[in-house]
Amino acid sequence: MTAALAETEARLADLATTRKVIVELAPAHDDPEPPETNSVYQAIVNAFNQHPDQEFRARELHELLGMPTDEASVNVTRARLGRLTRQGFLTQPGRGRYQKRT
């Protein structure tokens, strides 16, 4: 029993050390997004600025920007468009359509 307790305490110490390392390496919630993500957002915003009166679907935006049109990539862009809509930069005049807020 004593050996099992010592083994469990050693395991807990290892887990505490691992947690400490992960907390130090993981980005804080307040950190800005990685640069590659920021550049994608900037490309999206630029496209809407260049075509302020045009409605886009996520896939159309990918084609305009020369981005991959596989479903996973387009879904990520849909999430980004949703975030830009919630932030007030875009409107959603129809389901799945996005336009620059005027």
N, C-alpha and C. Protein backbone atom coordinates (compact mmCIF):
# COMPACT_ATOMS: atom_id res chain seq x y z
N MET A 1 0.82 -1.18 0.00
CA MET A 1 0.00 0.00 0.00
C MET A 1 0.87 1.26 0.00
N THR A 2 1.95 1.22 0.76
CA THR A 2 2.84 2.36 0.81
C THR A 2 3.48 2.60 -0.55
N ALA A 3 3.82 1.55 -1.24
CA ALA A 3 4.43 1.67 -2.57
C ALA A 3 3.43 2.28 -3.55
N ALA A 4 2.18 1.86 -3.46
CA ALA A 4 1.14 2.40 -4.35
C ALA A 4 0.93 3.89 -4.08
N LEU A 5 0.94 4.29 -2.81
CA LEU A 5 0.78 5.69 -2.45
C LEU A 5 1.95 6.52 -2.97
N ALA A 6 3.15 6.01 -2.82
CA ALA A 6 4.34 6.72 -3.31
C ALA A 6 4.29 6.86 -4.83
N GLU A 7 3.85 5.80 -5.50
CA GLU A 7 3.73 5.84 -6.95
C GLU A 7 2.69 6.86 -7.40
N THR A 8 1.57 6.93 -6.71
CA THR A 8 0.51 7.89 -7.04
C THR A 8 0.98 9.32 -6.79
N GLU A 9 1.69 9.54 -5.71
CA GLU A 9 2.21 10.88 -5.42
C GLU A 9 3.23 11.31 -6.47
N ALA A 10 4.06 10.40 -6.92
CA ALA A 10 5.03 10.72 -7.97
C ALA A 10 4.32 11.06 -9.27
N ARG A 11 3.26 10.30 -9.57
CA ARG A 11 2.47 10.56 -10.78
C ARG A 11 1.81 11.93 -10.70
N LEU A 12 1.27 12.29 -9.53
CA LEU A 12 0.65 13.61 -9.35
C LEU A 12 1.68 14.73 -9.51
N ALA A 13 2.88 14.52 -9.01
CA ALA A 13 3.94 15.51 -9.17
C ALA A 13 4.29 15.69 -10.65
N ASP A 14 4.35 14.57 -11.39
CA ASP A 14 4.62 14.65 -12.84
C ASP A 14 3.51 15.41 -13.56
N LEU A 15 2.27 15.13 -13.18
CA LEU A 15 1.14 15.81 -13.81
C LEU A 15 1.15 17.31 -13.51
N ALA A 16 1.51 17.68 -12.30
CA ALA A 16 1.59 19.09 -11.93
C ALA A 16 2.67 19.80 -12.75
N THR A 17 3.81 19.13 -12.95
CA THR A 17 4.88 19.70 -13.77
C THR A 17 4.42 19.84 -15.22
N THR A 18 3.76 18.83 -15.73
CA THR A 18 3.26 18.87 -17.11
C THR A 18 2.27 20.02 -17.28
N ARG A 19 1.37 20.17 -16.31
CA ARG A 19 0.39 21.25 -16.38
C ARG A 19 1.09 22.61 -16.39
N LYS A 20 2.10 22.76 -15.57
CA LYS A 20 2.82 24.03 -15.50
C LYS A 20 3.47 24.35 -16.85
N VAL A 21 4.07 23.37 -17.48
CA VAL A 21 4.72 23.57 -18.78
C VAL A 21 3.68 23.93 -19.84
N ILE A 22 2.54 23.24 -19.84
CA ILE A 22 1.50 23.52 -20.83
C ILE A 22 0.95 24.92 -20.65
N VAL A 23 0.72 25.34 -19.42
CA VAL A 23 0.20 26.68 -19.16
C VAL A 23 1.19 27.73 -19.66
N GLU A 24 2.47 27.50 -19.49
CA GLU A 24 3.47 28.45 -19.96
C GLU A 24 3.55 28.50 -21.48
N LEU A 25 3.35 27.37 -22.15
CA LEU A 25 3.46 27.31 -23.60
C LEU A 25 2.18 27.71 -24.32
N ALA A 26 1.03 27.48 -23.70
CA ALA A 26 -0.25 27.77 -24.35
C ALA A 26 -0.46 29.27 -24.40
N PRO A 27 -0.99 29.79 -25.52
CA PRO A 27 -1.25 31.21 -25.59
C PRO A 27 -2.39 31.60 -24.66
N ALA A 28 -2.28 32.78 -24.09
CA ALA A 28 -3.34 33.28 -23.23
C ALA A 28 -4.54 33.66 -24.09
N HIS A 29 -5.71 33.72 -23.50
CA HIS A 29 -6.92 34.05 -24.25
C HIS A 29 -6.88 35.45 -24.81
N ASP A 30 -6.11 36.34 -24.21
CA ASP A 30 -6.05 37.72 -24.67
C ASP A 30 -5.02 37.93 -25.78
N ASP A 31 -4.23 36.89 -26.09
CA ASP A 31 -3.22 37.04 -27.13
C ASP A 31 -3.88 37.20 -28.48
N PRO A 32 -3.28 38.01 -29.37
CA PRO A 32 -3.86 38.12 -30.71
C PRO A 32 -3.71 36.80 -31.45
N GLU A 33 -4.50 36.64 -32.51
CA GLU A 33 -4.43 35.42 -33.29
C GLU A 33 -3.09 35.35 -34.00
N PRO A 34 -2.66 34.15 -34.39
CA PRO A 34 -1.39 34.02 -35.09
C PRO A 34 -1.39 34.85 -36.38
N PRO A 35 -0.20 35.28 -36.82
CA PRO A 35 -0.12 36.13 -38.01
C PRO A 35 -0.77 35.53 -39.24
N GLU A 36 -0.65 34.21 -39.46
CA GLU A 36 -1.26 33.64 -40.66
C GLU A 36 -2.77 33.79 -40.62
N THR A 37 -3.37 33.72 -39.44
CA THR A 37 -4.81 33.92 -39.32
C THR A 37 -5.15 35.38 -39.55
N ASN A 38 -4.35 36.29 -38.99
CA ASN A 38 -4.59 37.71 -39.20
C ASN A 38 -4.51 38.06 -40.67
N SER A 39 -3.58 37.48 -41.41
CA SER A 39 -3.45 37.80 -42.83
C SER A 39 -4.65 37.28 -43.60
N VAL A 40 -5.24 36.16 -43.19
CA VAL A 40 -6.44 35.64 -43.85
C VAL A 40 -7.60 36.59 -43.58
N TYR A 41 -7.75 37.03 -42.34
CA TYR A 41 -8.80 38.00 -42.03
C TYR A 41 -8.60 39.28 -42.85
N GLN A 42 -7.37 39.72 -42.97
CA GLN A 42 -7.10 40.94 -43.74
C GLN A 42 -7.47 40.75 -45.20
N ALA A 43 -7.19 39.59 -45.77
CA ALA A 43 -7.56 39.31 -47.16
C ALA A 43 -9.08 39.33 -47.33
N ILE A 44 -9.79 38.77 -46.36
CA ILE A 44 -11.25 38.76 -46.42
C ILE A 44 -11.78 40.19 -46.35
N VAL A 45 -11.28 40.95 -45.39
CA VAL A 45 -11.72 42.34 -45.23
C VAL A 45 -11.41 43.14 -46.49
N ASN A 46 -10.23 42.94 -47.07
CA ASN A 46 -9.86 43.66 -48.29
C ASN A 46 -10.82 43.32 -49.44
N ALA A 47 -11.21 42.06 -49.55
CA ALA A 47 -12.14 41.67 -50.61
C ALA A 47 -13.48 42.38 -50.45
N PHE A 48 -13.97 42.46 -49.22
CA PHE A 48 -15.23 43.17 -49.00
C PHE A 48 -15.07 44.67 -49.21
N ASN A 49 -13.91 45.23 -48.88
CA ASN A 49 -13.67 46.66 -49.13
C ASN A 49 -13.62 46.96 -50.62
N GLN A 50 -13.07 46.05 -51.41
CA GLN A 50 -12.98 46.26 -52.86
C GLN A 50 -14.32 46.07 -53.55
N HIS A 51 -15.22 45.32 -52.93
CA HIS A 51 -16.55 45.04 -53.51
C HIS A 51 -17.62 45.30 -52.45
N PRO A 52 -17.78 46.56 -52.02
CA PRO A 52 -18.65 46.85 -50.88
C PRO A 52 -20.13 46.54 -51.12
N ASP A 53 -20.58 46.56 -52.35
CA ASP A 53 -22.00 46.33 -52.63
C ASP A 53 -22.31 44.89 -53.03
N GLN A 54 -21.30 44.04 -53.08
CA GLN A 54 -21.49 42.68 -53.55
C GLN A 54 -21.68 41.72 -52.37
N GLU A 55 -22.59 40.78 -52.55
CA GLU A 55 -22.78 39.70 -51.57
C GLU A 55 -21.89 38.53 -51.97
N PHE A 56 -21.31 37.88 -50.97
CA PHE A 56 -20.46 36.72 -51.22
C PHE A 56 -20.93 35.54 -50.38
N ARG A 57 -20.81 34.37 -50.94
CA ARG A 57 -20.86 33.13 -50.17
C ARG A 57 -19.42 32.78 -49.85
N ALA A 58 -19.22 31.97 -48.84
CA ALA A 58 -17.85 31.61 -48.43
C ALA A 58 -17.07 30.99 -49.57
N ARG A 59 -17.69 30.10 -50.33
CA ARG A 59 -16.99 29.44 -51.43
C ARG A 59 -16.62 30.44 -52.52
N GLU A 60 -17.50 31.39 -52.81
CA GLU A 60 -17.21 32.42 -53.81
C GLU A 60 -16.03 33.29 -53.36
N LEU A 61 -16.00 33.58 -52.09
CA LEU A 61 -14.90 34.37 -51.54
C LEU A 61 -13.58 33.61 -51.69
N HIS A 62 -13.60 32.31 -51.45
CA HIS A 62 -12.40 31.49 -51.63
C HIS A 62 -11.93 31.53 -53.07
N GLU A 63 -12.87 31.41 -54.00
CA GLU A 63 -12.50 31.45 -55.42
C GLU A 63 -11.92 32.81 -55.79
N LEU A 64 -12.52 33.89 -55.29
CA LEU A 64 -12.02 35.23 -55.56
C LEU A 64 -10.60 35.42 -55.03
N LEU A 65 -10.34 34.89 -53.85
CA LEU A 65 -9.04 35.08 -53.20
C LEU A 65 -8.01 34.01 -53.58
N GLY A 66 -8.43 33.03 -54.37
CA GLY A 66 -7.49 31.98 -54.76
C GLY A 66 -7.16 31.04 -53.62
N MET A 67 -8.08 30.88 -52.69
CA MET A 67 -7.88 30.00 -51.55
C MET A 67 -8.43 28.62 -51.89
N PRO A 68 -8.01 27.57 -51.18
CA PRO A 68 -8.52 26.23 -51.45
C PRO A 68 -10.04 26.18 -51.23
N THR A 69 -10.73 25.41 -52.05
CA THR A 69 -12.18 25.34 -51.95
C THR A 69 -12.68 24.02 -51.37
N ASP A 70 -11.79 23.30 -50.68
CA ASP A 70 -12.25 22.08 -50.02
C ASP A 70 -13.19 22.46 -48.87
N GLU A 71 -14.06 21.55 -48.53
CA GLU A 71 -15.12 21.85 -47.56
C GLU A 71 -14.58 22.30 -46.21
N ALA A 72 -13.50 21.70 -45.74
CA ALA A 72 -12.94 22.08 -44.43
C ALA A 72 -12.46 23.52 -44.44
N SER A 73 -11.76 23.94 -45.49
CA SER A 73 -11.27 25.32 -45.58
C SER A 73 -12.42 26.30 -45.66
N VAL A 74 -13.43 25.96 -46.45
CA VAL A 74 -14.59 26.85 -46.59
C VAL A 74 -15.34 26.96 -45.27
N ASN A 75 -15.42 25.88 -44.52
CA ASN A 75 -16.09 25.94 -43.21
C ASN A 75 -15.35 26.85 -42.24
N VAL A 76 -14.03 26.85 -42.28
CA VAL A 76 -13.26 27.76 -41.43
C VAL A 76 -13.57 29.20 -41.81
N THR A 77 -13.67 29.46 -43.10
CA THR A 77 -13.99 30.82 -43.55
C THR A 77 -15.41 31.20 -43.14
N ARG A 78 -16.33 30.25 -43.16
CA ARG A 78 -17.70 30.55 -42.69
C ARG A 78 -17.66 31.01 -41.23
N ALA A 79 -16.84 30.36 -40.43
CA ALA A 79 -16.71 30.77 -39.03
C ALA A 79 -16.11 32.17 -38.93
N ARG A 80 -15.12 32.46 -39.76
CA ARG A 80 -14.52 33.79 -39.76
C ARG A 80 -15.53 34.85 -40.19
N LEU A 81 -16.33 34.53 -41.20
CA LEU A 81 -17.35 35.47 -41.66
C LEU A 81 -18.38 35.70 -40.56
N GLY A 82 -18.72 34.66 -39.82
CA GLY A 82 -19.63 34.81 -38.69
C GLY A 82 -19.06 35.74 -37.64
N ARG A 83 -17.77 35.61 -37.38
CA ARG A 83 -17.13 36.48 -36.40
C ARG A 83 -17.14 37.93 -36.88
N LEU A 84 -16.83 38.14 -38.16
CA LEU A 84 -16.85 39.50 -38.71
C LEU A 84 -18.27 40.08 -38.70
N THR A 85 -19.27 39.23 -38.85
CA THR A 85 -20.66 39.68 -38.77
C THR A 85 -20.99 40.09 -37.34
N ARG A 86 -20.62 39.26 -36.37
CA ARG A 86 -20.88 39.59 -34.96
C ARG A 86 -20.16 40.85 -34.54
N GLN A 87 -18.98 41.11 -35.13
CA GLN A 87 -18.22 42.31 -34.79
C GLN A 87 -18.76 43.55 -35.49
N GLY A 88 -19.73 43.36 -36.39
CA GLY A 88 -20.37 44.50 -37.03
C GLY A 88 -19.74 44.95 -38.33
N PHE A 89 -18.75 44.24 -38.82
CA PHE A 89 -18.12 44.63 -40.09
C PHE A 89 -18.96 44.19 -41.27
N LEU A 90 -19.61 43.03 -41.17
CA LEU A 90 -20.41 42.48 -42.26
C LEU A 90 -21.87 42.39 -41.84
N THR A 91 -22.74 42.29 -42.83
CA THR A 91 -24.14 41.96 -42.61
C THR A 91 -24.40 40.63 -43.31
N GLN A 92 -25.52 40.04 -42.99
CA GLN A 92 -25.90 38.78 -43.61
C GLN A 92 -27.28 38.98 -44.26
N PRO A 93 -27.29 39.47 -45.52
CA PRO A 93 -28.56 39.76 -46.19
C PRO A 93 -29.38 38.52 -46.53
N GLY A 94 -28.79 37.38 -46.51
CA GLY A 94 -29.49 36.12 -46.77
C GLY A 94 -28.70 35.00 -46.14
N ARG A 95 -29.33 33.84 -46.06
CA ARG A 95 -28.63 32.71 -45.44
C ARG A 95 -27.39 32.35 -46.24
N GLY A 96 -26.24 32.36 -45.57
CA GLY A 96 -24.99 31.99 -46.22
C GLY A 96 -24.39 33.08 -47.08
N ARG A 97 -24.99 34.26 -47.08
CA ARG A 97 -24.48 35.38 -47.87
C ARG A 97 -23.99 36.48 -46.94
N TYR A 98 -22.90 37.08 -47.32
CA TYR A 98 -22.29 38.12 -46.50
C TYR A 98 -21.98 39.33 -47.36
N GLN A 99 -22.12 40.51 -46.73
CA GLN A 99 -21.87 41.76 -47.45
C GLN A 99 -21.30 42.75 -46.45
N LYS A 100 -20.50 43.68 -46.97
CA LYS A 100 -19.92 44.71 -46.11
C LYS A 100 -21.03 45.59 -45.56
N ARG A 101 -20.98 45.87 -44.28
CA ARG A 101 -21.95 46.77 -43.66
C ARG A 101 -21.67 48.19 -44.14
N THR A 102 -22.72 48.86 -44.56
CA THR A 102 -22.54 50.24 -45.06
C THR A 102 -23.04 51.24 -44.05
